[in-house]
């Protein structure tokens, strides 16, 4: 299991390769803006969990990798679904965060005061 602080803060769930229902380019632009605002925030989330196509954002070549690494450097826990990484054959390309199981994502949600899905 992944170890993370019991902050009682916010957990963000990223389930898509982008954000919203739009053309891929717009979806990626929106997630970039969202993550930039999180990174600039005085109160970043305790964790960001990636599953489904969201895992494609934390691998080599991701257009938002620098923002995710910056959040991680600020202490934001990035939890990435191992099952999803394996499904998309991306496990060897993980470039930010830690690979964890669904139990880790559920635990992060249970510890959070607020859960936001983007």
PDB file of N, CA and C in Angstrom:
ATOM      1  N   UNK A   1       0.830  -1.189   0.000  1.00  0.00           N
ATOM      2  CA  UNK A   1       0.000   0.000   0.000  1.00  0.00           C
ATOM      3  C   UNK A   1       0.873   1.251   0.000  1.00  0.00           C
ATOM      4  N   UNK A   2       0.384   2.288  -0.634  1.00  0.00           N
ATOM      5  CA  UNK A   2       1.070   3.567  -0.681  1.00  0.00           C
ATOM      6  C   UNK A   2       0.924   4.248   0.668  1.00  0.00           C
ATOM      7  N   UNK A   3       1.979   4.877   1.132  1.00  0.00           N
ATOM      8  CA  UNK A   3       1.925   5.657   2.371  1.00  0.00           C
ATOM      9  C   UNK A   3       1.691   7.115   2.008  1.00  0.00           C
ATOM     10  N   UNK A   4       0.731   7.754   2.660  1.00  0.00           N
ATOM     11  CA  UNK A   4       0.461   9.167   2.417  1.00  0.00           C
ATOM     12  C   UNK A   4      -0.064   9.784   3.701  1.00  0.00           C
ATOM     13  N   UNK A   5       0.087  11.093   3.819  1.00  0.00           N
ATOM     14  CA  UNK A   5      -0.308  11.750   5.058  1.00  0.00           C
ATOM     15  C   UNK A   5      -1.814  11.748   5.254  1.00  0.00           C
ATOM     16  N   UNK A   6      -2.232  11.667   6.496  1.00  0.00           N
ATOM     17  CA  UNK A   6      -3.651  11.732   6.844  1.00  0.00           C
ATOM     18  C   UNK A   6      -3.994  13.205   7.076  1.00  0.00           C
ATOM     19  N   UNK A   7      -4.087  13.958   5.976  1.00  0.00           N
ATOM     20  CA  UNK A   7      -4.292  15.400   6.086  1.00  0.00           C
ATOM     21  C   UNK A   7      -5.755  15.775   6.192  1.00  0.00           C
ATOM     22  N   UNK A   8      -6.630  14.883   5.747  1.00  0.00           N
ATOM     23  CA  UNK A   8      -8.036  15.236   5.723  1.00  0.00           C
ATOM     24  C   UNK A   8      -8.344  16.284   4.677  1.00  0.00           C
ATOM     25  N   UNK A   9      -7.418  16.472   3.747  1.00  0.00           N
ATOM     26  CA  UNK A   9      -7.597  17.481   2.713  1.00  0.00           C
ATOM     27  C   UNK A   9      -8.420  16.983   1.548  1.00  0.00           C
ATOM     28  N   UNK A  10      -8.201  17.603   0.422  1.00  0.00           N
ATOM     29  CA  UNK A  10      -8.931  17.290  -0.801  1.00  0.00           C
ATOM     30  C   UNK A  10      -8.174  16.241  -1.610  1.00  0.00           C
ATOM     31  N   UNK A  11      -8.924  15.350  -2.237  1.00  0.00           N
ATOM     32  CA  UNK A  11      -8.371  14.386  -3.182  1.00  0.00           C
ATOM     33  C   UNK A  11      -9.048  14.633  -4.524  1.00  0.00           C
ATOM     34  N   UNK A  12      -8.236  14.721  -5.569  1.00  0.00           N
ATOM     35  CA  UNK A  12      -8.735  14.921  -6.920  1.00  0.00           C
ATOM     36  C   UNK A  12      -8.592  13.610  -7.678  1.00  0.00           C
ATOM     37  N   UNK A  13      -9.661  13.203  -8.366  1.00  0.00           N
ATOM     38  CA  UNK A  13      -9.644  11.996  -9.184  1.00  0.00           C
ATOM     39  C   UNK A  13      -9.583  12.393 -10.650  1.00  0.00           C
ATOM     40  N   UNK A  14      -8.579  11.888 -11.353  1.00  0.00           N
ATOM     41  CA  UNK A  14      -8.426  12.163 -12.776  1.00  0.00           C
ATOM     42  C   UNK A  14      -8.681  10.849 -13.506  1.00  0.00           C
ATOM     43  N   UNK A  15      -9.772  10.802 -14.243  1.00  0.00           N
ATOM     44  CA  UNK A  15     -10.209   9.550 -14.855  1.00  0.00           C
ATOM     45  C   UNK A  15     -10.112   9.555 -16.374  1.00  0.00           C
ATOM     46  N   UNK A  16      -9.710  10.690 -16.943  1.00  0.00           N
ATOM     47  CA  UNK A  16      -9.673  10.830 -18.398  1.00  0.00           C
ATOM     48  C   UNK A  16      -8.332  11.396 -18.833  1.00  0.00           C
ATOM     49  N   UNK A  17      -8.025  11.222 -20.098  1.00  0.00           N
ATOM     50  CA  UNK A  17      -6.840  11.838 -20.698  1.00  0.00           C
ATOM     51  C   UNK A  17      -7.250  13.218 -21.176  1.00  0.00           C
ATOM     52  N   UNK A  18      -7.431  14.102 -20.211  1.00  0.00           N
ATOM     53  CA  UNK A  18      -7.911  15.441 -20.482  1.00  0.00           C
ATOM     54  C   UNK A  18      -9.018  15.781 -19.511  1.00  0.00           C
ATOM     55  N   UNK A  19      -9.813  16.773 -19.872  1.00  0.00           N
ATOM     56  CA  UNK A  19     -10.874  17.232 -18.972  1.00  0.00           C
ATOM     57  C   UNK A  19     -12.058  17.687 -19.808  1.00  0.00           C
ATOM     58  N   UNK A  20     -13.244  17.239 -19.447  1.00  0.00           N
ATOM     59  CA  UNK A  20     -14.464  17.663 -20.117  1.00  0.00           C
ATOM     60  C   UNK A  20     -14.799  16.837 -21.340  1.00  0.00           C
ATOM     61  N   UNK A  21     -15.903  17.205 -21.965  1.00  0.00           N
ATOM     62  CA  UNK A  21     -16.394  16.554 -23.181  1.00  0.00           C
ATOM     63  C   UNK A  21     -16.147  17.506 -24.344  1.00  0.00           C
ATOM     64  N   UNK A  22     -15.040  17.303 -25.047  1.00  0.00           N
ATOM     65  CA  UNK A  22     -14.701  18.190 -26.157  1.00  0.00           C
ATOM     66  C   UNK A  22     -13.653  17.500 -27.021  1.00  0.00           C
ATOM     67  N   UNK A  23     -13.172  18.201 -28.032  1.00  0.00           N
ATOM     68  CA  UNK A  23     -12.073  17.679 -28.834  1.00  0.00           C
ATOM     69  C   UNK A  23     -10.871  17.440 -27.929  1.00  0.00           C
ATOM     70  N   UNK A  24     -10.051  16.469 -28.292  1.00  0.00           N
ATOM     71  CA  UNK A  24      -8.886  16.089 -27.474  1.00  0.00           C
ATOM     72  C   UNK A  24      -8.005  17.297 -27.149  1.00  0.00           C
ATOM     73  N   UNK A  25      -7.763  18.153 -28.115  1.00  0.00           N
ATOM     74  CA  UNK A  25      -6.907  19.319 -27.902  1.00  0.00           C
ATOM     75  C   UNK A  25      -7.454  20.210 -26.784  1.00  0.00           C
ATOM     76  N   UNK A  26      -8.748  20.451 -26.798  1.00  0.00           N
ATOM     77  CA  UNK A  26      -9.371  21.272 -25.758  1.00  0.00           C
ATOM     78  C   UNK A  26      -9.336  20.547 -24.415  1.00  0.00           C
ATOM     79  N   UNK A  27      -9.608  19.258 -24.402  1.00  0.00           N
ATOM     80  CA  UNK A  27      -9.551  18.485 -23.161  1.00  0.00           C
ATOM     81  C   UNK A  27      -8.172  18.597 -22.510  1.00  0.00           C
ATOM     82  N   UNK A  28      -7.123  18.480 -23.310  1.00  0.00           N
ATOM     83  CA  UNK A  28      -5.767  18.571 -22.770  1.00  0.00           C
ATOM     84  C   UNK A  28      -5.454  19.992 -22.304  1.00  0.00           C
ATOM     85  N   UNK A  29      -5.940  20.970 -23.021  1.00  0.00           N
ATOM     86  CA  UNK A  29      -5.727  22.372 -22.606  1.00  0.00           C
ATOM     87  C   UNK A  29      -6.417  22.645 -21.270  1.00  0.00           C
ATOM     88  N   UNK A  30      -7.626  22.129 -21.112  1.00  0.00           N
ATOM     89  CA  UNK A  30      -8.359  22.336 -19.860  1.00  0.00           C
ATOM     90  C   UNK A  30      -7.666  21.668 -18.676  1.00  0.00           C
ATOM     91  N   UNK A  31      -7.177  20.441 -18.834  1.00  0.00           N
ATOM     92  CA  UNK A  31      -6.503  19.776 -17.715  1.00  0.00           C
ATOM     93  C   UNK A  31      -5.201  20.488 -17.402  1.00  0.00           C
ATOM     94  N   UNK A  32      -4.542  21.029 -18.416  1.00  0.00           N
ATOM     95  CA  UNK A  32      -3.311  21.790 -18.180  1.00  0.00           C
ATOM     96  C   UNK A  32      -3.603  23.034 -17.341  1.00  0.00           C
ATOM     97  N   UNK A  33      -4.648  23.750 -17.677  1.00  0.00           N
ATOM     98  CA  UNK A  33      -5.021  24.944 -16.911  1.00  0.00           C
ATOM     99  C   UNK A  33      -5.398  24.555 -15.486  1.00  0.00           C
ATOM    100  N   UNK A  34      -6.175  23.509 -15.350  1.00  0.00           N
ATOM    101  CA  UNK A  34      -6.614  23.047 -14.024  1.00  0.00           C
ATOM    102  C   UNK A  34      -5.409  22.691 -13.152  1.00  0.00           C
ATOM    103  N   UNK A  35      -4.492  21.900 -13.698  1.00  0.00           N
ATOM    104  CA  UNK A  35      -3.315  21.488 -12.921  1.00  0.00           C
ATOM    105  C   UNK A  35      -2.401  22.673 -12.605  1.00  0.00           C
ATOM    106  N   UNK A  36      -2.313  23.617 -13.520  1.00  0.00           N
ATOM    107  CA  UNK A  36      -1.506  24.823 -13.273  1.00  0.00           C
ATOM    108  C   UNK A  36      -2.083  25.613 -12.099  1.00  0.00           C
ATOM    109  N   UNK A  37      -3.394  25.752 -12.070  1.00  0.00           N
ATOM    110  CA  UNK A  37      -4.035  26.458 -10.960  1.00  0.00           C
ATOM    111  C   UNK A  37      -3.842  25.711  -9.643  1.00  0.00           C
ATOM    112  N   UNK A  38      -3.929  24.382  -9.678  1.00  0.00           N
ATOM    113  CA  UNK A  38      -3.638  23.602  -8.461  1.00  0.00           C
ATOM    114  C   UNK A  38      -2.208  23.837  -8.013  1.00  0.00           C
ATOM    115  N   UNK A  39      -1.285  23.843  -8.966  1.00  0.00           N
ATOM    116  CA  UNK A  39       0.130  24.016  -8.654  1.00  0.00           C
ATOM    117  C   UNK A  39       0.410  25.392  -8.058  1.00  0.00           C
ATOM    118  N   UNK A  40      -0.315  26.392  -8.492  1.00  0.00           N
ATOM    119  CA  UNK A  40      -0.123  27.762  -7.998  1.00  0.00           C
ATOM    120  C   UNK A  40      -0.894  28.028  -6.714  1.00  0.00           C
ATOM    121  N   UNK A  41      -1.741  27.114  -6.318  1.00  0.00           N
ATOM    122  CA  UNK A  41      -2.599  27.299  -5.151  1.00  0.00           C
ATOM    123  C   UNK A  41      -1.808  27.283  -3.850  1.00  0.00           C
ATOM    124  N   UNK A  42      -2.275  28.076  -2.893  1.00  0.00           N
ATOM    125  CA  UNK A  42      -1.685  28.061  -1.556  1.00  0.00           C
ATOM    126  C   UNK A  42      -2.124  26.837  -0.763  1.00  0.00           C
ATOM    127  N   UNK A  43      -3.157  26.166  -1.231  1.00  0.00           N
ATOM    128  CA  UNK A  43      -3.681  24.982  -0.551  1.00  0.00           C
ATOM    129  C   UNK A  43      -3.917  23.869  -1.576  1.00  0.00           C
ATOM    130  N   UNK A  44      -2.832  23.260  -2.075  1.00  0.00           N
ATOM    131  CA  UNK A  44      -3.004  22.190  -3.064  1.00  0.00           C
ATOM    132  C   UNK A  44      -3.687  20.973  -2.433  1.00  0.00           C
ATOM    133  N   UNK A  45      -4.204  20.085  -3.263  1.00  0.00           N
ATOM    134  CA  UNK A  45      -4.852  18.886  -2.716  1.00  0.00           C
ATOM    135  C   UNK A  45      -3.845  17.985  -2.012  1.00  0.00           C
ATOM    136  N   UNK A  46      -4.341  17.120  -1.148  1.00  0.00           N
ATOM    137  CA  UNK A  46      -3.472  16.143  -0.490  1.00  0.00           C
ATOM    138  C   UNK A  46      -3.003  15.100  -1.477  1.00  0.00           C
ATOM    139  N   UNK A  47      -3.881  14.731  -2.412  1.00  0.00           N
ATOM    140  CA  UNK A  47      -3.544  13.692  -3.379  1.00  0.00           C
ATOM    141  C   UNK A  47      -4.305  13.902  -4.673  1.00  0.00           C
ATOM    142  N   UNK A  48      -3.708  13.411  -5.741  1.00  0.00           N
ATOM    143  CA  UNK A  48      -4.382  13.316  -7.026  1.00  0.00           C
ATOM    144  C   UNK A  48      -4.261  11.851  -7.439  1.00  0.00           C
ATOM    145  N   UNK A  49      -5.404  11.225  -7.713  1.00  0.00           N
ATOM    146  CA  UNK A  49      -5.446   9.814  -8.083  1.00  0.00           C
ATOM    147  C   UNK A  49      -5.777   9.702  -9.563  1.00  0.00           C
ATOM    148  N   UNK A  50      -5.039   8.851 -10.250  1.00  0.00           N
ATOM    149  CA  UNK A  50      -5.213   8.661 -11.686  1.00  0.00           C
ATOM    150  C   UNK A  50      -5.649   7.236 -11.960  1.00  0.00           C
ATOM    151  N   UNK A  51      -6.759   7.090 -12.698  1.00  0.00           N
ATOM    152  CA  UNK A  51      -7.169   5.766 -13.143  1.00  0.00           C
ATOM    153  C   UNK A  51      -7.914   5.896 -14.461  1.00  0.00           C
ATOM    154  N   UNK A  52      -8.238   4.767 -15.081  1.00  0.00           N
ATOM    155  CA  UNK A  52      -8.795   4.811 -16.428  1.00  0.00           C
ATOM    156  C   UNK A  52      -7.784   5.466 -17.355  1.00  0.00           C
ATOM    157  N   UNK A  53      -8.270   6.209 -18.339  1.00  0.00           N
ATOM    158  CA  UNK A  53      -7.360   6.879 -19.269  1.00  0.00           C
ATOM    159  C   UNK A  53      -6.560   7.996 -18.614  1.00  0.00           C
ATOM    160  N   UNK A  54      -6.918   8.372 -17.393  1.00  0.00           N
ATOM    161  CA  UNK A  54      -6.157   9.388 -16.670  1.00  0.00           C
ATOM    162  C   UNK A  54      -4.706   9.011 -16.454  1.00  0.00           C
ATOM    163  N   UNK A  55      -4.400   7.711 -16.432  1.00  0.00           N
ATOM    164  CA  UNK A  55      -3.009   7.290 -16.219  1.00  0.00           C
ATOM    165  C   UNK A  55      -2.106   7.731 -17.358  1.00  0.00           C
ATOM    166  N   UNK A  56      -2.681   8.035 -18.501  1.00  0.00           N
ATOM    167  CA  UNK A  56      -1.869   8.484 -19.646  1.00  0.00           C
ATOM    168  C   UNK A  56      -1.254   9.859 -19.398  1.00  0.00           C
ATOM    169  N   UNK A  57      -1.723  10.556 -18.377  1.00  0.00           N
ATOM    170  CA  UNK A  57      -1.176  11.880 -18.056  1.00  0.00           C
ATOM    171  C   UNK A  57       0.098  11.821 -17.229  1.00  0.00           C
ATOM    172  N   UNK A  58       0.393  10.688 -16.618  1.00  0.00           N
ATOM    173  CA  UNK A  58       1.550  10.591 -15.713  1.00  0.00           C
ATOM    174  C   UNK A  58       2.695   9.772 -16.299  1.00  0.00           C
ATOM    175  N   UNK A  59       2.670   9.558 -17.595  1.00  0.00           N
ATOM    176  CA  UNK A  59       3.717   8.770 -18.241  1.00  0.00           C
ATOM    177  C   UNK A  59       4.587   9.653 -19.123  1.00  0.00           C
ATOM    178  N   UNK A  60       5.726   9.104 -19.523  1.00  0.00           N
ATOM    179  CA  UNK A  60       6.635   9.818 -20.427  1.00  0.00           C
ATOM    180  C   UNK A  60       5.868  10.344 -21.632  1.00  0.00           C
ATOM    181  N   UNK A  61       6.156  11.578 -22.009  1.00  0.00           N
ATOM    182  CA  UNK A  61       5.510  12.182 -23.167  1.00  0.00           C
ATOM    183  C   UNK A  61       4.227  12.924 -22.857  1.00  0.00           C
ATOM    184  N   UNK A  62       3.760  12.877 -21.617  1.00  0.00           N
ATOM    185  CA  UNK A  62       2.534  13.575 -21.251  1.00  0.00           C
ATOM    186  C   UNK A  62       2.736  15.084 -21.359  1.00  0.00           C
ATOM    187  N   UNK A  63       1.744  15.801 -21.898  1.00  0.00           N
ATOM    188  CA  UNK A  63       1.878  17.253 -22.015  1.00  0.00           C
ATOM    189  C   UNK A  63       1.785  17.993 -20.678  1.00  0.00           C
ATOM    190  N   UNK A  64       1.409  17.311 -19.609  1.00  0.00           N
ATOM    191  CA  UNK A  64       1.283  17.970 -18.308  1.00  0.00           C
ATOM    192  C   UNK A  64       2.257  17.398 -17.272  1.00  0.00           C
ATOM    193  N   UNK A  65       3.237  16.673 -17.729  1.00  0.00           N
ATOM    194  CA  UNK A  65       4.160  16.003 -16.821  1.00  0.00           C
ATOM    195  C   UNK A  65       4.912  16.979 -15.914  1.00  0.00           C
ATOM    196  N   UNK A  66       5.353  18.105 -16.445  1.00  0.00           N
ATOM    197  CA  UNK A  66       6.077  19.084 -15.622  1.00  0.00           C
ATOM    198  C   UNK A  66       5.205  19.621 -14.493  1.00  0.00           C
ATOM    199  N   UNK A  67       3.936  19.887 -14.783  1.00  0.00           N
ATOM    200  CA  UNK A  67       3.012  20.369 -13.749  1.00  0.00           C
ATOM    201  C   UNK A  67       2.813  19.307 -12.675  1.00  0.00           C
ATOM    202  N   UNK A  68       2.675  18.060 -13.078  1.00  0.00           N
ATOM    203  CA  UNK A  68       2.483  16.980 -12.105  1.00  0.00           C
ATOM    204  C   UNK A  68       3.723  16.792 -11.240  1.00  0.00           C
ATOM    205  N   UNK A  69       4.887  16.886 -11.838  1.00  0.00           N
ATOM    206  CA  UNK A  69       6.132  16.776 -11.059  1.00  0.00           C
ATOM    207  C   UNK A  69       6.258  17.937 -10.072  1.00  0.00           C
ATOM    208  N   UNK A  70       5.815  19.114 -10.477  1.00  0.00           N
ATOM    209  CA  UNK A  70       5.846  20.265  -9.582  1.00  0.00           C
ATOM    210  C   UNK A  70       4.907  20.054  -8.400  1.00  0.00           C
ATOM    211  N   UNK A  71       3.705  19.551  -8.664  1.00  0.00           N
ATOM    212  CA  UNK A  71       2.773  19.251  -7.570  1.00  0.00           C
ATOM    213  C   UNK A  71       3.369  18.208  -6.630  1.00  0.00           C
ATOM    214  N   UNK A  72       3.981  17.200  -7.199  1.00  0.00           N
ATOM    215  CA  UNK A  72       4.586  16.147  -6.398  1.00  0.00           C
ATOM    216  C   UNK A  72       5.707  16.707  -5.521  1.00  0.00           C
ATOM    217  N   UNK A  73       6.500  17.610  -6.075  1.00  0.00           N
ATOM    218  CA  UNK A  73       7.588  18.236  -5.320  1.00  0.00           C
ATOM    219  C   UNK A  73       7.066  19.075  -4.155  1.00  0.00           C
ATOM    220  N   UNK A  74       5.820  19.539  -4.273  1.00  0.00           N
ATOM    221  CA  UNK A  74       5.193  20.325  -3.212  1.00  0.00           C
ATOM    222  C   UNK A  74       4.493  19.440  -2.178  1.00  0.00           C
ATOM    223  N   UNK A  75       4.627  18.129  -2.331  1.00  0.00           N
ATOM    224  CA  UNK A  75       4.071  17.217  -1.348  1.00  0.00           C
ATOM    225  C   UNK A  75       2.729  16.612  -1.705  1.00  0.00           C
ATOM    226  N   UNK A  76       2.219  16.904  -2.901  1.00  0.00           N
ATOM    227  CA  UNK A  76       0.960  16.308  -3.331  1.00  0.00           C
ATOM    228  C   UNK A  76       1.241  14.859  -3.730  1.00  0.00           C
ATOM    229  N   UNK A  77       0.519  13.940  -3.139  1.00  0.00           N
ATOM    230  CA  UNK A  77       0.672  12.518  -3.447  1.00  0.00           C
ATOM    231  C   UNK A  77      -0.018  12.215  -4.769  1.00  0.00           C
ATOM    232  N   UNK A  78       0.706  11.644  -5.717  1.00  0.00           N
ATOM    233  CA  UNK A  78       0.132  11.226  -6.993  1.00  0.00           C
ATOM    234  C   UNK A  78       0.044   9.705  -6.968  1.00  0.00           C
ATOM    235  N   UNK A  79      -1.173   9.192  -6.949  1.00  0.00           N
ATOM    236  CA  UNK A  79      -1.403   7.749  -6.874  1.00  0.00           C
ATOM    237  C   UNK A  79      -1.938   7.294  -8.225  1.00  0.00           C
ATOM    238  N   UNK A  80      -1.247   6.345  -8.839  1.00  0.00           N
ATOM    239  CA  UNK A  80      -1.554   5.915 -10.194  1.00  0.00           C
ATOM    240  C   UNK A  80      -1.974   4.445 -10.181  1.00  0.00           C
ATOM    241  N   UNK A  81      -3.092   4.142 -10.770  1.00  0.00           N
ATOM    242  CA  UNK A  81      -3.654   2.795 -10.791  1.00  0.00           C
ATOM    243  C   UNK A  81      -2.758   1.830 -11.576  1.00  0.00           C
ATOM    244  N   UNK A  82      -2.236   0.833 -10.890  1.00  0.00           N
ATOM    245  CA  UNK A  82      -1.374  -0.166 -11.521  1.00  0.00           C
ATOM    246  C   UNK A  82      -2.144  -0.990 -12.551  1.00  0.00           C
ATOM    247  N   UNK A  83      -3.361  -1.368 -12.227  1.00  0.00           N
ATOM    248  CA  UNK A  83      -4.173  -2.150 -13.166  1.00  0.00           C
ATOM    249  C   UNK A  83      -4.339  -1.399 -14.483  1.00  0.00           C
ATOM    250  N   UNK A  84      -4.577  -0.095 -14.398  1.00  0.00           N
ATOM    251  CA  UNK A  84      -4.764   0.729 -15.588  1.00  0.00           C
ATOM    252  C   UNK A  84      -3.465   0.885 -16.369  1.00  0.00           C
ATOM    253  N   UNK A  85      -2.367   1.102 -15.659  1.00  0.00           N
ATOM    254  CA  UNK A  85      -1.066   1.180 -16.331  1.00  0.00           C
ATOM    255  C   UNK A  85      -0.793  -0.102 -17.110  1.00  0.00           C
ATOM    256  N   UNK A  86      -1.051  -1.232 -16.483  1.00  0.00           N
ATOM    257  CA  UNK A  86      -0.826  -2.516 -17.155  1.00  0.00           C
ATOM    258  C   UNK A  86      -1.769  -2.706 -18.332  1.00  0.00           C
ATOM    259  N   UNK A  87      -3.021  -2.307 -18.171  1.00  0.00           N
ATOM    260  CA  UNK A  87      -4.008  -2.446 -19.241  1.00  0.00           C
ATOM    261  C   UNK A  87      -3.569  -1.692 -20.498  1.00  0.00           C
ATOM    262  N   UNK A  88      -3.055  -0.483 -20.308  1.00  0.00           N
ATOM    263  CA  UNK A  88      -2.614   0.336 -21.441  1.00  0.00           C
ATOM    264  C   UNK A  88      -1.148   0.086 -21.802  1.00  0.00           C
ATOM    265  N   UNK A  89      -0.517  -0.903 -21.153  1.00  0.00           N
ATOM    266  CA  UNK A  89       0.884  -1.249 -21.390  1.00  0.00           C
ATOM    267  C   UNK A  89       1.801  -0.040 -21.176  1.00  0.00           C
ATOM    268  N   UNK A  90       1.571   0.666 -20.063  1.00  0.00           N
ATOM    269  CA  UNK A  90       2.325   1.880 -19.753  1.00  0.00           C
ATOM    270  C   UNK A  90       3.136   1.787 -18.465  1.00  0.00           C
ATOM    271  N   UNK A  91       3.143   0.637 -17.815  1.00  0.00           N
ATOM    272  CA  UNK A  91       3.782   0.522 -16.502  1.00  0.00           C
ATOM    273  C   UNK A  91       5.250   0.920 -16.536  1.00  0.00           C
ATOM    274  N   UNK A  92       5.942   0.624 -17.609  1.00  0.00           N
ATOM    275  CA  UNK A  92       7.366   0.948 -17.696  1.00  0.00           C
ATOM    276  C   UNK A  92       7.613   2.403 -18.099  1.00  0.00           C
ATOM    277  N   UNK A  93       6.550   3.155 -18.349  1.00  0.00           N
ATOM    278  CA  UNK A  93       6.685   4.559 -18.752  1.00  0.00           C
ATOM    279  C   UNK A  93       6.222   5.540 -17.676  1.00  0.00           C
ATOM    280  N   UNK A  94       5.891   5.041 -16.488  1.00  0.00           N
ATOM    281  CA  UNK A  94       5.453   5.919 -15.393  1.00  0.00           C
ATOM    282  C   UNK A  94       6.549   6.937 -15.095  1.00  0.00           C
ATOM    283  N   UNK A  95       6.194   8.225 -15.115  1.00  0.00           N
ATOM    284  CA  UNK A  95       7.196   9.282 -14.965  1.00  0.00           C
ATOM    285  C   UNK A  95       6.909  10.226 -13.805  1.00  0.00           C
ATOM    286  N   UNK A  96       5.777  10.069 -13.151  1.00  0.00           N
ATOM    287  CA  UNK A  96       5.436  10.884 -11.978  1.00  0.00           C
ATOM    288  C   UNK A  96       4.511  10.062 -11.106  1.00  0.00           C
ATOM    289  N   UNK A  97       4.598  10.290  -9.815  1.00  0.00           N
ATOM    290  CA  UNK A  97       3.723   9.586  -8.888  1.00  0.00           C
ATOM    291  C   UNK A  97       4.203   8.185  -8.590  1.00  0.00           C
ATOM    292  N   UNK A  98       3.355   7.455  -7.882  1.00  0.00           N
ATOM    293  CA  UNK A  98       3.665   6.073  -7.514  1.00  0.00           C
ATOM    294  C   UNK A  98       2.535   5.173  -7.978  1.00  0.00           C
ATOM    295  N   UNK A  99       2.905   4.005  -8.459  1.00  0.00           N
ATOM    296  CA  UNK A  99       1.909   3.023  -8.866  1.00  0.00           C
ATOM    297  C   UNK A  99       1.300   2.422  -7.610  1.00  0.00           C
ATOM    298  N   UNK A 100      -0.004   2.398  -7.564  1.00  0.00           N
ATOM    299  CA  UNK A 100      -0.710   1.838  -6.426  1.00  0.00           C
ATOM    300  C   UNK A 100      -1.926   1.073  -6.905  1.00  0.00           C
ATOM    301  N   UNK A 101      -2.553   0.408  -5.995  1.00  0.00           N
ATOM    302  CA  UNK A 101      -3.747  -0.352  -6.329  1.00  0.00           C
ATOM    303  C   UNK A 101      -5.011   0.451  -6.084  1.00  0.00           C
ATOM    304  N   UNK A 102      -6.125  -0.115  -6.465  1.00  0.00           N
ATOM    305  CA  UNK A 102      -7.407   0.538  -6.236  1.00  0.00           C
ATOM    306  C   UNK A 102      -7.636   0.728  -4.737  1.00  0.00           C
ATOM    307  N   UNK A 103      -7.088  -0.171  -3.922  1.00  0.00           N
ATOM    308  CA  UNK A 103      -7.222  -0.016  -2.468  1.00  0.00           C
ATOM    309  C   UNK A 103      -6.574   1.285  -1.999  1.00  0.00           C
ATOM    310  N   UNK A 104      -5.466   1.681  -2.627  1.00  0.00           N
ATOM    311  CA  UNK A 104      -4.802   2.941  -2.271  1.00  0.00           C
ATOM    312  C   UNK A 104      -5.668   4.140  -2.641  1.00  0.00           C
ATOM    313  N   UNK A 105      -6.334   4.054  -3.784  1.00  0.00           N
ATOM    314  CA  UNK A 105      -7.204   5.137  -4.219  1.00  0.00           C
ATOM    315  C   UNK A 105      -8.421   5.239  -3.301  1.00  0.00           C
ATOM    316  N   UNK A 106      -8.995   4.113  -2.952  1.00  0.00           N
ATOM    317  CA  UNK A 106     -10.136   4.103  -2.035  1.00  0.00           C
ATOM    318  C   UNK A 106      -9.726   4.663  -0.675  1.00  0.00           C
ATOM    319  N   UNK A 107      -8.568   4.267  -0.189  1.00  0.00           N
ATOM    320  CA  UNK A 107      -8.079   4.760   1.109  1.00  0.00           C
ATOM    321  C   UNK A 107      -7.898   6.278   1.072  1.00  0.00           C
ATOM    322  N   UNK A 108      -7.335   6.800  -0.011  1.00  0.00           N
ATOM    323  CA  UNK A 108      -7.166   8.252  -0.142  1.00  0.00           C
ATOM    324  C   UNK A 108      -8.519   8.955  -0.110  1.00  0.00           C
ATOM    325  N   UNK A 109      -9.516   8.368  -0.775  1.00  0.00           N
ATOM    326  CA  UNK A 109     -10.852   8.957  -0.781  1.00  0.00           C
ATOM    327  C   UNK A 109     -11.459   8.952   0.616  1.00  0.00           C
ATOM    328  N   UNK A 110     -11.327   7.842   1.323  1.00  0.00           N
ATOM    329  CA  UNK A 110     -11.893   7.749   2.665  1.00  0.00           C
ATOM    330  C   UNK A 110     -11.249   8.731   3.638  1.00  0.00           C
ATOM    331  N   UNK A 111      -9.977   9.028   3.448  1.00  0.00           N
ATOM    332  CA  UNK A 111      -9.274   9.948   4.344  1.00  0.00           C
ATOM    333  C   UNK A 111      -9.536  11.411   4.013  1.00  0.00           C
ATOM    334  N   UNK A 112     -10.079  11.666   2.843  1.00  0.00           N
ATOM    335  CA  UNK A 112     -10.263  13.040   2.371  1.00  0.00           C
ATOM    336  C   UNK A 112     -11.509  13.685   2.984  1.00  0.00           C
ATOM    337  N   UNK A 113     -11.432  14.988   3.163  1.00  0.00           N
ATOM    338  CA  UNK A 113     -12.614  15.767   3.528  1.00  0.00           C
ATOM    339  C   UNK A 113     -13.490  15.990   2.312  1.00  0.00           C
ATOM    340  N   UNK A 114     -12.837  16.099   1.142  1.00  0.00           N
ATOM    341  CA  UNK A 114     -13.562  16.398  -0.088  1.00  0.00           C
ATOM    342  C   UNK A 114     -12.896  15.632  -1.230  1.00  0.00           C
ATOM    343  N   UNK A 115     -13.712  15.057  -2.119  1.00  0.00           N
ATOM    344  CA  UNK A 115     -13.227  14.360  -3.308  1.00  0.00           C
ATOM    345  C   UNK A 115     -13.814  15.044  -4.532  1.00  0.00           C
ATOM    346  N   UNK A 116     -12.941  15.385  -5.477  1.00  0.00           N
ATOM    347  CA  UNK A 116     -13.345  16.065  -6.702  1.00  0.00           C
ATOM    348  C   UNK A 116     -12.950  15.187  -7.885  1.00  0.00           C
ATOM    349  N   UNK A 117     -13.874  14.917  -8.776  1.00  0.00           N
ATOM    350  CA  UNK A 117     -13.567  14.169  -9.990  1.00  0.00           C
ATOM    351  C   UNK A 117     -13.539  15.136 -11.165  1.00  0.00           C
ATOM    352  N   UNK A 118     -12.447  15.083 -11.942  1.00  0.00           N
ATOM    353  CA  UNK A 118     -12.346  15.942 -13.128  1.00  0.00           C
ATOM    354  C   UNK A 118     -12.304  15.092 -14.380  1.00  0.00           C
TER     355      UNK A 118
END
